[in-house]
Amino acid sequence: MMVEAIIAAGLDASVRGIKFPPANVEQLKRTQLHELISSTTTAALLSIGLDVALLNGIDPENWSDCPHFQQAANVVKCLKVVNDTAERSIALMPSFNQSITKSEAEMQKLIQVVKDNRERIPDSSKASLASAKLATK
């Protein structure tokens, strides 16, 4: 069923990432694996050198005997998984911090001011901002 679903989905390398709303998590739990196949699945498999059409007609239990499957499996084993978004965010913070202040004493004072503001203004609603403004007068 997987190979048929991949072949039927076609090829679309322009879409990146999985698009699944968090509100539909319960539906996702009931979804079969072959129902998650899309045209991007085909593009991803081709990018690691696996032409799924070559697996068509072969029992999935015997895929490990197929040289094309073995080659693709070796490529996948060597892939380094990276959370690029998280790494960029982490790298951005020291850069941002250094642009605000140069000394550790100034940074500690800034952190205290931010902490105080968060205690005085718990959210950014109009009511909270107005009450904080009145309290400073």
N, C-alpha and C. Protein backbone atom coordinates (compact mmCIF):
# COMPACT_ATOMS: atom_id res chain seq x y z
N MET A 1 0.82 -1.20 0.00
CA MET A 1 0.00 0.00 0.00
C MET A 1 0.86 1.26 0.00
N MET A 2 2.01 1.21 0.67
CA MET A 2 2.87 2.38 0.75
C MET A 2 3.38 2.78 -0.63
N VAL A 3 3.92 1.82 -1.37
CA VAL A 3 4.49 2.13 -2.68
C VAL A 3 3.42 2.65 -3.61
N GLU A 4 2.26 2.03 -3.59
CA GLU A 4 1.17 2.49 -4.45
C GLU A 4 0.77 3.91 -4.09
N ALA A 5 0.72 4.21 -2.80
CA ALA A 5 0.36 5.57 -2.35
C ALA A 5 1.41 6.58 -2.80
N ILE A 6 2.68 6.21 -2.74
CA ILE A 6 3.75 7.11 -3.15
C ILE A 6 3.69 7.36 -4.66
N ILE A 7 3.49 6.31 -5.43
CA ILE A 7 3.41 6.45 -6.89
C ILE A 7 2.19 7.28 -7.27
N ALA A 8 1.07 7.05 -6.60
CA ALA A 8 -0.16 7.79 -6.90
C ALA A 8 -0.04 9.26 -6.52
N ALA A 9 0.77 9.57 -5.50
CA ALA A 9 0.89 10.95 -5.03
C ALA A 9 1.64 11.83 -6.01
N GLY A 10 2.48 11.25 -6.85
CA GLY A 10 3.23 12.05 -7.81
C GLY A 10 4.44 12.69 -7.17
N LEU A 11 4.95 13.73 -7.80
CA LEU A 11 6.18 14.39 -7.36
C LEU A 11 5.97 15.89 -7.29
N ASP A 12 6.24 16.47 -6.11
CA ASP A 12 6.20 17.92 -5.94
C ASP A 12 7.30 18.30 -4.96
N ALA A 13 8.41 18.76 -5.48
CA ALA A 13 9.56 19.12 -4.62
C ALA A 13 9.49 20.55 -4.12
N SER A 14 8.44 21.29 -4.49
CA SER A 14 8.38 22.70 -4.11
C SER A 14 7.86 22.91 -2.69
N VAL A 15 7.14 21.95 -2.14
CA VAL A 15 6.58 22.09 -0.80
C VAL A 15 7.56 21.53 0.21
N ARG A 16 7.79 22.28 1.30
CA ARG A 16 8.72 21.82 2.32
C ARG A 16 7.98 21.71 3.65
N GLY A 17 8.32 20.69 4.41
CA GLY A 17 7.78 20.55 5.76
C GLY A 17 6.43 19.87 5.79
N ILE A 18 6.07 19.46 6.98
CA ILE A 18 4.79 18.80 7.20
C ILE A 18 3.80 19.85 7.65
N LYS A 19 2.66 19.89 7.01
CA LYS A 19 1.63 20.85 7.35
C LYS A 19 0.47 20.10 8.00
N PHE A 20 0.44 20.11 9.32
CA PHE A 20 -0.64 19.43 10.03
C PHE A 20 -1.00 20.26 11.24
N PRO A 21 -2.21 20.82 11.28
CA PRO A 21 -2.59 21.69 12.39
C PRO A 21 -2.57 20.95 13.73
N PRO A 22 -2.04 21.58 14.78
CA PRO A 22 -1.99 20.94 16.09
C PRO A 22 -3.37 20.53 16.62
N ALA A 23 -4.41 21.23 16.17
CA ALA A 23 -5.77 20.92 16.63
C ALA A 23 -6.22 19.53 16.15
N ASN A 24 -5.58 18.99 15.12
CA ASN A 24 -5.99 17.71 14.55
C ASN A 24 -5.14 16.53 15.03
N VAL A 25 -4.52 16.65 16.19
CA VAL A 25 -3.64 15.60 16.68
C VAL A 25 -4.39 14.29 16.90
N GLU A 26 -5.60 14.36 17.41
CA GLU A 26 -6.38 13.14 17.63
C GLU A 26 -6.66 12.42 16.31
N GLN A 27 -6.96 13.18 15.28
CA GLN A 27 -7.17 12.59 13.95
C GLN A 27 -5.88 11.95 13.46
N LEU A 28 -4.75 12.59 13.71
CA LEU A 28 -3.45 12.06 13.28
C LEU A 28 -3.17 10.72 13.94
N LYS A 29 -3.56 10.56 15.20
CA LYS A 29 -3.33 9.31 15.92
C LYS A 29 -4.06 8.14 15.25
N ARG A 30 -5.19 8.41 14.61
CA ARG A 30 -5.98 7.35 13.98
C ARG A 30 -5.60 7.14 12.51
N THR A 31 -4.69 7.95 11.99
CA THR A 31 -4.30 7.91 10.59
C THR A 31 -3.32 6.76 10.33
N GLN A 32 -3.55 6.04 9.25
CA GLN A 32 -2.63 4.99 8.83
C GLN A 32 -1.43 5.63 8.13
N LEU A 33 -0.29 4.97 8.19
CA LEU A 33 0.94 5.52 7.63
C LEU A 33 0.80 5.84 6.13
N HIS A 34 0.17 4.96 5.38
CA HIS A 34 0.05 5.19 3.93
C HIS A 34 -0.83 6.40 3.62
N GLU A 35 -1.66 6.84 4.57
CA GLU A 35 -2.51 8.01 4.36
C GLU A 35 -1.72 9.32 4.49
N LEU A 36 -0.51 9.25 5.02
CA LEU A 36 0.32 10.44 5.18
C LEU A 36 1.22 10.70 3.98
N ILE A 37 1.17 9.81 2.99
CA ILE A 37 2.00 9.94 1.80
C ILE A 37 1.51 11.11 0.95
N SER A 38 2.47 11.91 0.46
CA SER A 38 2.12 13.02 -0.42
C SER A 38 3.18 13.11 -1.52
N SER A 39 3.02 14.09 -2.38
CA SER A 39 3.99 14.27 -3.47
C SER A 39 5.37 14.65 -2.91
N THR A 40 5.41 15.26 -1.73
CA THR A 40 6.70 15.59 -1.15
C THR A 40 7.42 14.34 -0.65
N THR A 41 6.67 13.30 -0.34
CA THR A 41 7.29 12.03 0.06
C THR A 41 8.12 11.49 -1.09
N THR A 42 7.56 11.50 -2.27
CA THR A 42 8.27 11.03 -3.46
C THR A 42 9.52 11.86 -3.69
N ALA A 43 9.40 13.18 -3.56
CA ALA A 43 10.55 14.06 -3.77
C ALA A 43 11.64 13.77 -2.74
N ALA A 44 11.27 13.54 -1.51
CA ALA A 44 12.26 13.25 -0.46
C ALA A 44 12.96 11.94 -0.74
N LEU A 45 12.23 10.93 -1.13
CA LEU A 45 12.84 9.63 -1.41
C LEU A 45 13.76 9.69 -2.63
N LEU A 46 13.35 10.44 -3.63
CA LEU A 46 14.21 10.59 -4.81
C LEU A 46 15.49 11.36 -4.46
N SER A 47 15.38 12.30 -3.52
CA SER A 47 16.56 13.09 -3.15
C SER A 47 17.63 12.24 -2.45
N ILE A 48 17.22 11.12 -1.85
CA ILE A 48 18.22 10.23 -1.25
C ILE A 48 18.55 9.07 -2.17
N GLY A 49 18.04 9.13 -3.39
CA GLY A 49 18.42 8.14 -4.40
C GLY A 49 17.54 6.91 -4.46
N LEU A 50 16.35 6.97 -3.89
CA LEU A 50 15.46 5.81 -3.92
C LEU A 50 14.31 6.06 -4.88
N ASP A 51 14.30 5.33 -5.97
CA ASP A 51 13.17 5.39 -6.90
C ASP A 51 12.16 4.35 -6.43
N VAL A 52 11.07 4.83 -5.89
CA VAL A 52 10.08 3.95 -5.28
C VAL A 52 9.49 2.98 -6.29
N ALA A 53 9.47 3.35 -7.54
CA ALA A 53 8.92 2.46 -8.56
C ALA A 53 9.68 1.14 -8.59
N LEU A 54 10.97 1.16 -8.22
CA LEU A 54 11.75 -0.07 -8.20
C LEU A 54 11.30 -1.03 -7.10
N LEU A 55 10.64 -0.50 -6.08
CA LEU A 55 10.15 -1.34 -4.99
C LEU A 55 8.74 -1.88 -5.26
N ASN A 56 8.10 -1.33 -6.28
CA ASN A 56 6.75 -1.76 -6.60
C ASN A 56 6.75 -3.24 -6.97
N GLY A 57 5.89 -3.99 -6.36
CA GLY A 57 5.77 -5.42 -6.64
C GLY A 57 6.65 -6.27 -5.74
N ILE A 58 7.52 -5.66 -4.94
CA ILE A 58 8.36 -6.41 -4.01
C ILE A 58 7.71 -6.36 -2.64
N ASP A 59 7.61 -7.49 -1.99
CA ASP A 59 7.05 -7.56 -0.65
C ASP A 59 7.91 -6.71 0.28
N PRO A 60 7.29 -5.80 1.08
CA PRO A 60 8.07 -4.95 1.99
C PRO A 60 9.01 -5.73 2.92
N GLU A 61 8.66 -6.96 3.23
CA GLU A 61 9.54 -7.77 4.08
C GLU A 61 10.86 -8.09 3.37
N ASN A 62 10.86 -8.01 2.03
CA ASN A 62 12.06 -8.32 1.25
C ASN A 62 12.80 -7.08 0.75
N TRP A 63 12.34 -5.89 1.13
CA TRP A 63 12.99 -4.67 0.67
C TRP A 63 14.46 -4.62 1.08
N SER A 64 14.76 -5.14 2.25
CA SER A 64 16.16 -5.08 2.72
C SER A 64 17.10 -5.88 1.82
N ASP A 65 16.57 -6.75 0.97
CA ASP A 65 17.40 -7.51 0.02
C ASP A 65 17.64 -6.73 -1.28
N CYS A 66 16.89 -5.67 -1.50
CA CYS A 66 16.98 -4.88 -2.73
C CYS A 66 18.16 -3.91 -2.63
N PRO A 67 19.09 -3.93 -3.61
CA PRO A 67 20.26 -3.04 -3.55
C PRO A 67 19.90 -1.55 -3.51
N HIS A 68 18.84 -1.16 -4.24
CA HIS A 68 18.42 0.25 -4.24
C HIS A 68 17.96 0.67 -2.85
N PHE A 69 17.22 -0.21 -2.19
CA PHE A 69 16.75 0.07 -0.84
C PHE A 69 17.93 0.15 0.13
N GLN A 70 18.89 -0.76 -0.01
CA GLN A 70 20.07 -0.77 0.87
C GLN A 70 20.86 0.52 0.73
N GLN A 71 21.02 0.97 -0.51
CA GLN A 71 21.76 2.22 -0.75
C GLN A 71 21.05 3.40 -0.09
N ALA A 72 19.73 3.48 -0.27
CA ALA A 72 18.97 4.57 0.34
C ALA A 72 19.00 4.48 1.87
N ALA A 73 18.94 3.26 2.40
CA ALA A 73 19.00 3.07 3.85
C ALA A 73 20.34 3.56 4.40
N ASN A 74 21.41 3.31 3.67
CA ASN A 74 22.73 3.79 4.10
C ASN A 74 22.79 5.31 4.10
N VAL A 75 22.18 5.93 3.10
CA VAL A 75 22.14 7.40 3.05
C VAL A 75 21.39 7.93 4.26
N VAL A 76 20.25 7.35 4.58
CA VAL A 76 19.44 7.81 5.71
C VAL A 76 20.19 7.64 7.02
N LYS A 77 20.91 6.54 7.17
CA LYS A 77 21.68 6.31 8.40
C LYS A 77 22.76 7.36 8.60
N CYS A 78 23.26 7.92 7.50
CA CYS A 78 24.35 8.91 7.58
C CYS A 78 23.83 10.35 7.71
N LEU A 79 22.52 10.55 7.59
CA LEU A 79 21.98 11.90 7.68
C LEU A 79 22.13 12.44 9.09
N LYS A 80 22.47 13.71 9.17
CA LYS A 80 22.56 14.39 10.47
C LYS A 80 21.28 15.21 10.62
N VAL A 81 20.54 14.93 11.66
CA VAL A 81 19.29 15.64 11.89
C VAL A 81 19.60 16.94 12.61
N VAL A 82 19.08 18.04 12.07
CA VAL A 82 19.35 19.36 12.61
C VAL A 82 18.04 20.12 12.73
N ASN A 83 17.84 20.73 13.88
CA ASN A 83 16.70 21.62 14.05
C ASN A 83 17.21 23.03 13.75
N ASP A 84 17.18 23.39 12.48
CA ASP A 84 17.76 24.63 12.01
C ASP A 84 17.14 25.85 12.68
N THR A 85 15.82 25.83 12.86
CA THR A 85 15.14 26.97 13.47
C THR A 85 15.62 27.19 14.89
N ALA A 86 15.72 26.12 15.67
CA ALA A 86 16.18 26.25 17.05
C ALA A 86 17.63 26.72 17.10
N GLU A 87 18.46 26.19 16.23
CA GLU A 87 19.87 26.59 16.23
C GLU A 87 20.02 28.06 15.86
N ARG A 88 19.23 28.53 14.93
CA ARG A 88 19.30 29.95 14.56
C ARG A 88 18.85 30.83 15.72
N SER A 89 17.79 30.41 16.41
CA SER A 89 17.30 31.19 17.55
C SER A 89 18.34 31.25 18.65
N ILE A 90 18.98 30.13 18.93
CA ILE A 90 19.99 30.09 19.97
C ILE A 90 21.17 30.98 19.59
N ALA A 91 21.58 30.95 18.35
CA ALA A 91 22.69 31.78 17.89
C ALA A 91 22.32 33.26 17.89
N LEU A 92 21.06 33.56 17.70
CA LEU A 92 20.60 34.94 17.63
C LEU A 92 20.65 35.62 19.00
N MET A 93 20.37 34.90 20.07
CA MET A 93 20.31 35.51 21.40
C MET A 93 21.63 36.12 21.85
N PRO A 94 22.77 35.43 21.78
CA PRO A 94 24.03 36.09 22.19
C PRO A 94 24.33 37.32 21.34
N SER A 95 24.02 37.24 20.05
CA SER A 95 24.25 38.37 19.17
C SER A 95 23.37 39.56 19.60
N PHE A 96 22.11 39.27 19.89
CA PHE A 96 21.19 40.31 20.34
C PHE A 96 21.63 40.89 21.68
N ASN A 97 22.01 40.01 22.61
CA ASN A 97 22.45 40.47 23.93
C ASN A 97 23.67 41.38 23.83
N GLN A 98 24.61 41.06 22.96
CA GLN A 98 25.81 41.87 22.82
C GLN A 98 25.51 43.22 22.16
N SER A 99 24.44 43.27 21.37
CA SER A 99 24.10 44.55 20.74
C SER A 99 23.44 45.50 21.72
N ILE A 100 22.86 44.98 22.80
CA ILE A 100 22.18 45.82 23.79
C ILE A 100 23.19 46.44 24.76
N THR A 101 24.07 45.61 25.27
CA THR A 101 25.00 46.07 26.29
C THR A 101 26.33 45.35 26.15
N LYS A 102 27.37 46.01 26.59
CA LYS A 102 28.71 45.44 26.44
C LYS A 102 29.24 44.84 27.74
N SER A 103 28.75 45.30 28.89
CA SER A 103 29.29 44.82 30.16
C SER A 103 28.31 43.90 30.88
N GLU A 104 28.85 43.03 31.70
CA GLU A 104 28.04 42.09 32.47
C GLU A 104 27.18 42.83 33.49
N ALA A 105 27.70 43.90 34.09
CA ALA A 105 26.93 44.67 35.10
C ALA A 105 25.69 45.30 34.45
N GLU A 106 25.87 45.86 33.26
CA GLU A 106 24.73 46.44 32.55
C GLU A 106 23.70 45.36 32.21
N MET A 107 24.19 44.19 31.81
CA MET A 107 23.29 43.09 31.46
C MET A 107 22.47 42.65 32.68
N GLN A 108 23.11 42.53 33.83
CA GLN A 108 22.40 42.13 35.04
C GLN A 108 21.35 43.17 35.43
N LYS A 109 21.67 44.45 35.29
CA LYS A 109 20.71 45.52 35.57
C LYS A 109 19.53 45.43 34.60
N LEU A 110 19.82 45.19 33.34
CA LEU A 110 18.76 45.05 32.34
C LEU A 110 17.84 43.88 32.67
N ILE A 111 18.42 42.77 33.08
CA ILE A 111 17.62 41.60 33.44
C ILE A 111 16.72 41.92 34.63
N GLN A 112 17.24 42.69 35.61
CA GLN A 112 16.42 43.08 36.77
C GLN A 112 15.26 43.98 36.35
N VAL A 113 15.52 44.90 35.45
CA VAL A 113 14.46 45.79 34.97
C VAL A 113 13.38 45.01 34.24
N VAL A 114 13.79 44.07 33.39
CA VAL A 114 12.82 43.24 32.66
C VAL A 114 12.00 42.41 33.63
N LYS A 115 12.65 41.83 34.64
CA LYS A 115 11.94 41.03 35.65
C LYS A 115 10.92 41.88 36.39
N ASP A 116 11.32 43.08 36.78
CA ASP A 116 10.41 43.99 37.49
C ASP A 116 9.22 44.34 36.60
N ASN A 117 9.48 44.64 35.35
CA ASN A 117 8.38 44.97 34.42
C ASN A 117 7.43 43.81 34.23
N ARG A 118 7.95 42.60 34.17
CA ARG A 118 7.09 41.42 33.99
C ARG A 118 6.20 41.20 35.21
N GLU A 119 6.72 41.55 36.39
CA GLU A 119 5.91 41.42 37.61
C GLU A 119 4.83 42.49 37.65
N ARG A 120 5.18 43.71 37.24
CA ARG A 120 4.20 44.80 37.25
C ARG A 120 3.19 44.69 36.12
N ILE A 121 3.62 44.19 34.97
CA ILE A 121 2.75 44.09 33.79
C ILE A 121 2.75 42.63 33.33
N PRO A 122 1.81 41.81 33.84
CA PRO A 122 1.83 40.37 33.54
C PRO A 122 1.49 40.01 32.09
N ASP A 123 0.74 40.87 31.40
CA ASP A 123 0.41 40.62 30.00
C ASP A 123 0.33 41.95 29.28
N SER A 124 0.02 41.92 28.01
CA SER A 124 0.00 43.16 27.24
C SER A 124 -1.42 43.65 26.95
N SER A 125 -2.35 43.30 27.84
CA SER A 125 -3.72 43.77 27.64
C SER A 125 -3.79 45.26 27.97
N LYS A 126 -4.80 45.94 27.43
CA LYS A 126 -4.95 47.37 27.68
C LYS A 126 -5.10 47.65 29.17
N ALA A 127 -5.85 46.79 29.87
CA ALA A 127 -6.08 47.00 31.30
C ALA A 127 -4.77 46.93 32.07
N SER A 128 -3.93 45.94 31.79
CA SER A 128 -2.66 45.80 32.49
C SER A 128 -1.74 46.98 32.20
N LEU A 129 -1.68 47.40 30.96
CA LEU A 129 -0.83 48.51 30.60
C LEU A 129 -1.32 49.80 31.23
N ALA A 130 -2.64 50.00 31.25
CA ALA A 130 -3.21 51.23 31.86
C ALA A 130 -2.96 51.24 33.36
N SER A 131 -3.12 50.10 34.04
CA SER A 131 -2.90 50.08 35.49
C SER A 131 -1.42 50.28 35.81
N ALA A 132 -0.53 49.78 34.99
CA ALA A 132 0.91 49.99 35.21
C ALA A 132 1.27 51.45 34.99
N LYS A 133 0.62 52.07 34.01
CA LYS A 133 0.90 53.50 33.74
C LYS A 133 0.41 54.36 34.90
N LEU A 134 -0.77 54.04 35.45
CA LEU A 134 -1.31 54.78 36.59
C LEU A 134 -0.43 54.59 37.83
N ALA A 135 0.14 53.41 38.01
CA ALA A 135 0.94 53.12 39.18
C ALA A 135 2.26 53.89 39.16
N THR A 136 2.73 54.25 38.00
CA THR A 136 4.01 54.98 37.91
C THR A 136 3.82 56.48 38.10
N LYS A 137 2.59 56.99 38.04
CA LYS A 137 2.34 58.44 38.19
C LYS A 137 2.30 58.84 39.62
